[in-house]
Amino acid sequence: MTRVWFSKLDDTPIDHMWAATSEEGLVATQFRGSAATFKAQVKKLTKTEPQEDQLKLEPIFNELKRYFAGNLKAFSIPICWHYLSTFQQKSLKQVYAIPYGELRTYTQLAQLIDSPKSIRAVGRANATNPMPIVIPCHRVIGSDGKLRGFAGGLETKAYLLRLEGSWLL
């Protein structure tokens, strides 16, 4: 059975964050919220009872701190993709590949996965992204150039885009 650990990162510019990792890599991040809520989300995703362990999360927390300080352009921690559906993996791997400071539209992502009519499904994959920031769904905007939904809220999305220099609001 795969083991999963979680912990909380305090004092980010967007409040606290939660993260969970397995032996294979990162499985989830979440903005704000309680330990109980995050633990339940991770358990639902992984079918494993996560254990709290700050040390297991230090690699991702160190990278997140560097990202928020503007000193990290690409995450290097391993990601555990196998808890995601095949379509989510396909869609979110394209999101993961969006370079720091760049934007893509849902339409562009649908085209990149050779499924140009799946714009809404790509949007749904982004909406259910279990690893925001690391899988940078904040870099995905509407084809009209407007910000669309984001788990951390549109203000957080705008903040992240400004941090990366890709959005002037």
C-alpha atoms as a PDB file:
ATOM      1  CA  MET A   1       0.000   0.000   0.000  1.00  0.00           C
ATOM      2  CA  THR A   2       1.251   3.469  -0.914  1.00  0.00           C
ATOM      3  CA  ARG A   3       1.894   5.788   2.001  1.00  0.00           C
ATOM      4  CA  VAL A   4       0.789   9.421   1.848  1.00  0.00           C
ATOM      5  CA  TRP A   5       1.898  12.320   4.034  1.00  0.00           C
ATOM      6  CA  PHE A   6       0.550  15.843   4.366  1.00  0.00           C
ATOM      7  CA  SER A   7       1.430  19.086   6.091  1.00  0.00           C
ATOM      8  CA  LYS A   8       0.753  22.802   6.135  1.00  0.00           C
ATOM      9  CA  LEU A   9       2.887  25.643   4.825  1.00  0.00           C
ATOM     10  CA  ASP A  10       2.165  28.824   6.778  1.00  0.00           C
ATOM     11  CA  ASP A  11       2.742  32.404   5.784  1.00  0.00           C
ATOM     12  CA  THR A  12       2.660  32.337   2.006  1.00  0.00           C
ATOM     13  CA  PRO A  13       1.573  35.546   0.243  1.00  0.00           C
ATOM     14  CA  ILE A  14      -1.781  33.843  -0.385  1.00  0.00           C
ATOM     15  CA  ASP A  15      -2.338  32.616   3.199  1.00  0.00           C
ATOM     16  CA  HIS A  16      -1.479  29.063   4.209  1.00  0.00           C
ATOM     17  CA  MET A  17      -1.296  26.079   1.868  1.00  0.00           C
ATOM     18  CA  TRP A  18      -1.572  22.354   2.336  1.00  0.00           C
ATOM     19  CA  ALA A  19       0.374  19.731   0.407  1.00  0.00           C
ATOM     20  CA  ALA A  20       0.426  15.936   0.295  1.00  0.00           C
ATOM     21  CA  THR A  21       3.013  13.604  -1.124  1.00  0.00           C
ATOM     22  CA  SER A  22       3.490   9.881  -1.602  1.00  0.00           C
ATOM     23  CA  GLU A  23       6.606   7.810  -2.212  1.00  0.00           C
ATOM     24  CA  GLU A  24       6.059   8.544  -5.914  1.00  0.00           C
ATOM     25  CA  GLY A  25       5.647  12.306  -5.673  1.00  0.00           C
ATOM     26  CA  LEU A  26       3.285  15.172  -5.009  1.00  0.00           C
ATOM     27  CA  VAL A  27      -0.392  14.213  -4.980  1.00  0.00           C
ATOM     28  CA  ALA A  28      -2.189  17.381  -3.852  1.00  0.00           C
ATOM     29  CA  THR A  29      -1.947  21.028  -2.858  1.00  0.00           C
ATOM     30  CA  GLN A  30      -4.725  23.229  -1.540  1.00  0.00           C
ATOM     31  CA  PHE A  31      -5.176  26.885  -0.686  1.00  0.00           C
ATOM     32  CA  ARG A  32      -6.317  27.695   2.830  1.00  0.00           C
ATOM     33  CA  GLY A  33      -8.816  25.433   4.581  1.00  0.00           C
ATOM     34  CA  SER A  34      -8.553  23.089   7.518  1.00  0.00           C
ATOM     35  CA  ALA A  35      -6.450  19.996   8.110  1.00  0.00           C
ATOM     36  CA  ALA A  36      -9.596  17.859   8.269  1.00  0.00           C
ATOM     37  CA  THR A  37     -10.882  19.125   4.913  1.00  0.00           C
ATOM     38  CA  PHE A  38      -7.535  18.629   3.187  1.00  0.00           C
ATOM     39  CA  LYS A  39      -7.033  15.202   4.743  1.00  0.00           C
ATOM     40  CA  ALA A  40     -10.482  14.127   3.504  1.00  0.00           C
ATOM     41  CA  GLN A  41      -9.683  15.425  -0.007  1.00  0.00           C
ATOM     42  CA  VAL A  42      -6.396  13.504  -0.084  1.00  0.00           C
ATOM     43  CA  LYS A  43      -8.020  10.339   1.256  1.00  0.00           C
ATOM     44  CA  LYS A  44     -10.737  10.539  -1.419  1.00  0.00           C
ATOM     45  CA  LEU A  45      -8.103  11.026  -4.139  1.00  0.00           C
ATOM     46  CA  THR A  46      -5.607   8.387  -2.981  1.00  0.00           C
ATOM     47  CA  LYS A  47      -7.834   5.915  -1.089  1.00  0.00           C
ATOM     48  CA  THR A  48      -5.172   6.137   1.632  1.00  0.00           C
ATOM     49  CA  GLU A  49      -5.292   7.705   5.081  1.00  0.00           C
ATOM     50  CA  PRO A  50      -2.645  10.469   4.970  1.00  0.00           C
ATOM     51  CA  GLN A  51      -0.339  10.949   7.940  1.00  0.00           C
ATOM     52  CA  GLU A  52       0.931  14.347   9.004  1.00  0.00           C
ATOM     53  CA  ASP A  53       4.695  14.699   8.505  1.00  0.00           C
ATOM     54  CA  GLN A  54       6.322  18.108   7.982  1.00  0.00           C
ATOM     55  CA  LEU A  55       9.696  16.613   6.995  1.00  0.00           C
ATOM     56  CA  LYS A  56       8.248  14.642   4.077  1.00  0.00           C
ATOM     57  CA  LEU A  57       6.837  17.907   2.679  1.00  0.00           C
ATOM     58  CA  GLU A  58       9.972  20.034   3.052  1.00  0.00           C
ATOM     59  CA  PRO A  59      11.072  19.574  -0.600  1.00  0.00           C
ATOM     60  CA  ILE A  60       7.776  20.934  -1.972  1.00  0.00           C
ATOM     61  CA  PHE A  61       7.559  23.635   0.702  1.00  0.00           C
ATOM     62  CA  ASN A  62      11.079  24.793  -0.124  1.00  0.00           C
ATOM     63  CA  GLU A  63      10.163  25.041  -3.808  1.00  0.00           C
ATOM     64  CA  LEU A  64       6.891  26.848  -3.042  1.00  0.00           C
ATOM     65  CA  LYS A  65       8.762  29.387  -0.876  1.00  0.00           C
ATOM     66  CA  ARG A  66      11.243  29.987  -3.709  1.00  0.00           C
ATOM     67  CA  TYR A  67       8.359  30.318  -6.197  1.00  0.00           C
ATOM     68  CA  PHE A  68       6.575  32.909  -4.039  1.00  0.00           C
ATOM     69  CA  ALA A  69       9.860  34.798  -3.612  1.00  0.00           C
ATOM     70  CA  GLY A  70      10.180  34.973  -7.417  1.00  0.00           C
ATOM     71  CA  ASN A  71      13.250  32.708  -7.396  1.00  0.00           C
ATOM     72  CA  LEU A  72      11.785  29.550  -8.946  1.00  0.00           C
ATOM     73  CA  LYS A  73      10.494  29.370 -12.507  1.00  0.00           C
ATOM     74  CA  ALA A  74       9.903  25.604 -12.771  1.00  0.00           C
ATOM     75  CA  PHE A  75       9.154  23.013 -10.102  1.00  0.00           C
ATOM     76  CA  SER A  76      11.450  20.002 -10.009  1.00  0.00           C
ATOM     77  CA  ILE A  77       9.701  17.845  -7.433  1.00  0.00           C
ATOM     78  CA  PRO A  78       8.231  14.607  -8.788  1.00  0.00           C
ATOM     79  CA  ILE A  79       4.499  14.475  -9.424  1.00  0.00           C
ATOM     80  CA  CYS A  80       2.384  11.392  -8.880  1.00  0.00           C
ATOM     81  CA  TRP A  81       0.050  11.366 -11.899  1.00  0.00           C
ATOM     82  CA  HIS A  82      -1.605   7.978 -11.462  1.00  0.00           C
ATOM     83  CA  TYR A  83      -4.460   9.179  -9.228  1.00  0.00           C
ATOM     84  CA  LEU A  84      -5.795  11.205 -12.160  1.00  0.00           C
ATOM     85  CA  SER A  85      -7.983   9.916 -14.979  1.00  0.00           C
ATOM     86  CA  THR A  86      -6.378   9.430 -18.381  1.00  0.00           C
ATOM     87  CA  PHE A  87      -8.037  12.602 -19.697  1.00  0.00           C
ATOM     88  CA  GLN A  88      -6.990  14.629 -16.629  1.00  0.00           C
ATOM     89  CA  GLN A  89      -3.415  13.422 -17.070  1.00  0.00           C
ATOM     90  CA  LYS A  90      -3.400  14.330 -20.750  1.00  0.00           C
ATOM     91  CA  SER A  91      -4.875  17.784 -20.087  1.00  0.00           C
ATOM     92  CA  LEU A  92      -2.910  18.614 -16.949  1.00  0.00           C
ATOM     93  CA  LYS A  93       0.413  17.505 -18.424  1.00  0.00           C
ATOM     94  CA  GLN A  94      -0.136  20.203 -21.067  1.00  0.00           C
ATOM     95  CA  VAL A  95      -0.896  22.703 -18.295  1.00  0.00           C
ATOM     96  CA  TYR A  96       2.228  21.572 -16.436  1.00  0.00           C
ATOM     97  CA  ALA A  97       4.238  22.329 -19.580  1.00  0.00           C
ATOM     98  CA  ILE A  98       3.111  25.988 -19.777  1.00  0.00           C
ATOM     99  CA  PRO A  99       6.271  28.015 -19.114  1.00  0.00           C
ATOM    100  CA  TYR A 100       6.494  30.466 -16.237  1.00  0.00           C
ATOM    101  CA  GLY A 101       5.042  33.824 -17.226  1.00  0.00           C
ATOM    102  CA  GLU A 102       3.128  32.478 -20.234  1.00  0.00           C
ATOM    103  CA  LEU A 103      -0.584  31.931 -20.746  1.00  0.00           C
ATOM    104  CA  ARG A 104      -2.689  29.446 -22.672  1.00  0.00           C
ATOM    105  CA  THR A 105      -6.408  29.318 -23.354  1.00  0.00           C
ATOM    106  CA  TYR A 106      -8.670  26.332 -22.816  1.00  0.00           C
ATOM    107  CA  THR A 107      -9.076  26.218 -26.605  1.00  0.00           C
ATOM    108  CA  GLN A 108      -5.305  26.033 -27.125  1.00  0.00           C
ATOM    109  CA  LEU A 109      -5.018  23.222 -24.577  1.00  0.00           C
ATOM    110  CA  ALA A 110      -7.803  21.253 -26.275  1.00  0.00           C
ATOM    111  CA  GLN A 111      -5.935  21.601 -29.564  1.00  0.00           C
ATOM    112  CA  LEU A 112      -2.644  20.526 -27.964  1.00  0.00           C
ATOM    113  CA  ILE A 113      -4.202  17.262 -26.806  1.00  0.00           C
ATOM    114  CA  ASP A 114      -5.640  16.645 -30.288  1.00  0.00           C
ATOM    115  CA  SER A 115      -9.188  17.053 -29.056  1.00  0.00           C
ATOM    116  CA  PRO A 116     -10.282  20.514 -30.279  1.00  0.00           C
ATOM    117  CA  LYS A 117     -13.929  19.994 -29.323  1.00  0.00           C
ATOM    118  CA  SER A 118     -13.120  19.119 -25.703  1.00  0.00           C
ATOM    119  CA  ILE A 119     -12.756  22.691 -24.465  1.00  0.00           C
ATOM    120  CA  ARG A 120     -15.250  22.203 -21.627  1.00  0.00           C
ATOM    121  CA  ALA A 121     -13.637  18.909 -20.610  1.00  0.00           C
ATOM    122  CA  VAL A 122     -10.253  20.626 -20.514  1.00  0.00           C
ATOM    123  CA  GLY A 123     -11.849  23.301 -18.325  1.00  0.00           C
ATOM    124  CA  ARG A 124     -13.206  20.593 -16.032  1.00  0.00           C
ATOM    125  CA  ALA A 125      -9.773  18.936 -15.804  1.00  0.00           C
ATOM    126  CA  ASN A 126      -8.357  22.306 -14.749  1.00  0.00           C
ATOM    127  CA  ALA A 127     -11.166  22.827 -12.243  1.00  0.00           C
ATOM    128  CA  THR A 128     -10.352  19.479 -10.618  1.00  0.00           C
ATOM    129  CA  ASN A 129      -6.571  19.967 -10.710  1.00  0.00           C
ATOM    130  CA  PRO A 130      -5.420  18.526  -7.364  1.00  0.00           C
ATOM    131  CA  MET A 131      -2.058  20.345  -7.473  1.00  0.00           C
ATOM    132  CA  PRO A 132      -2.632  24.054  -8.151  1.00  0.00           C
ATOM    133  CA  ILE A 133       0.473  26.228  -8.525  1.00  0.00           C
ATOM    134  CA  VAL A 134       2.721  23.208  -9.205  1.00  0.00           C
ATOM    135  CA  ILE A 135       0.445  22.261 -12.098  1.00  0.00           C
ATOM    136  CA  PRO A 136      -0.085  25.916 -13.029  1.00  0.00           C
ATOM    137  CA  CYS A 137      -3.763  26.070 -13.946  1.00  0.00           C
ATOM    138  CA  HIS A 138      -3.584  29.770 -13.027  1.00  0.00           C
ATOM    139  CA  ARG A 139      -1.815  30.210 -16.400  1.00  0.00           C
ATOM    140  CA  VAL A 140      -4.980  29.169 -18.257  1.00  0.00           C
ATOM    141  CA  ILE A 141      -7.398  31.910 -19.302  1.00  0.00           C
ATOM    142  CA  GLY A 142     -10.531  32.196 -21.410  1.00  0.00           C
ATOM    143  CA  SER A 143     -10.224  32.667 -25.166  1.00  0.00           C
ATOM    144  CA  ASP A 144     -11.515  36.209 -24.613  1.00  0.00           C
ATOM    145  CA  GLY A 145      -8.397  36.932 -22.520  1.00  0.00           C
ATOM    146  CA  LYS A 146     -10.352  37.049 -19.250  1.00  0.00           C
ATOM    147  CA  LEU A 147      -9.592  35.237 -16.051  1.00  0.00           C
ATOM    148  CA  ARG A 148     -11.809  32.223 -15.470  1.00  0.00           C
ATOM    149  CA  GLY A 149     -12.438  30.120 -12.355  1.00  0.00           C
ATOM    150  CA  PHE A 150      -9.640  29.160  -9.998  1.00  0.00           C
ATOM    151  CA  ALA A 151      -9.789  27.109  -6.774  1.00  0.00           C
ATOM    152  CA  GLY A 152      -7.923  29.811  -4.866  1.00  0.00           C
ATOM    153  CA  GLY A 153     -10.211  32.547  -6.192  1.00  0.00           C
ATOM    154  CA  LEU A 154      -9.719  34.997  -9.040  1.00  0.00           C
ATOM    155  CA  GLU A 155      -7.816  37.454  -6.828  1.00  0.00           C
ATOM    156  CA  THR A 156      -5.278  34.722  -6.074  1.00  0.00           C
ATOM    157  CA  LYS A 157      -5.076  33.832  -9.767  1.00  0.00           C
ATOM    158  CA  ALA A 158      -4.423  37.476 -10.659  1.00  0.00           C
ATOM    159  CA  TYR A 159      -1.779  37.696  -7.908  1.00  0.00           C
ATOM    160  CA  LEU A 160       0.043  34.612  -9.253  1.00  0.00           C
ATOM    161  CA  LEU A 161      -0.031  35.944 -12.811  1.00  0.00           C
ATOM    162  CA  ARG A 162       1.336  39.307 -11.658  1.00  0.00           C
ATOM    163  CA  LEU A 163       4.038  37.487  -9.670  1.00  0.00           C
ATOM    164  CA  GLU A 164       5.072  35.762 -12.897  1.00  0.00           C
ATOM    165  CA  GLY A 165       4.909  39.000 -14.854  1.00  0.00           C
ATOM    166  CA  SER A 166       2.310  37.692 -17.270  1.00  0.00           C
ATOM    167  CA  TRP A 167      -0.711  39.680 -16.204  1.00  0.00           C
ATOM    168  CA  LEU A 168      -0.886  43.419 -15.755  1.00  0.00           C
ATOM    169  CA  LEU A 169      -3.990  44.341 -13.790  1.00  0.00           C
END
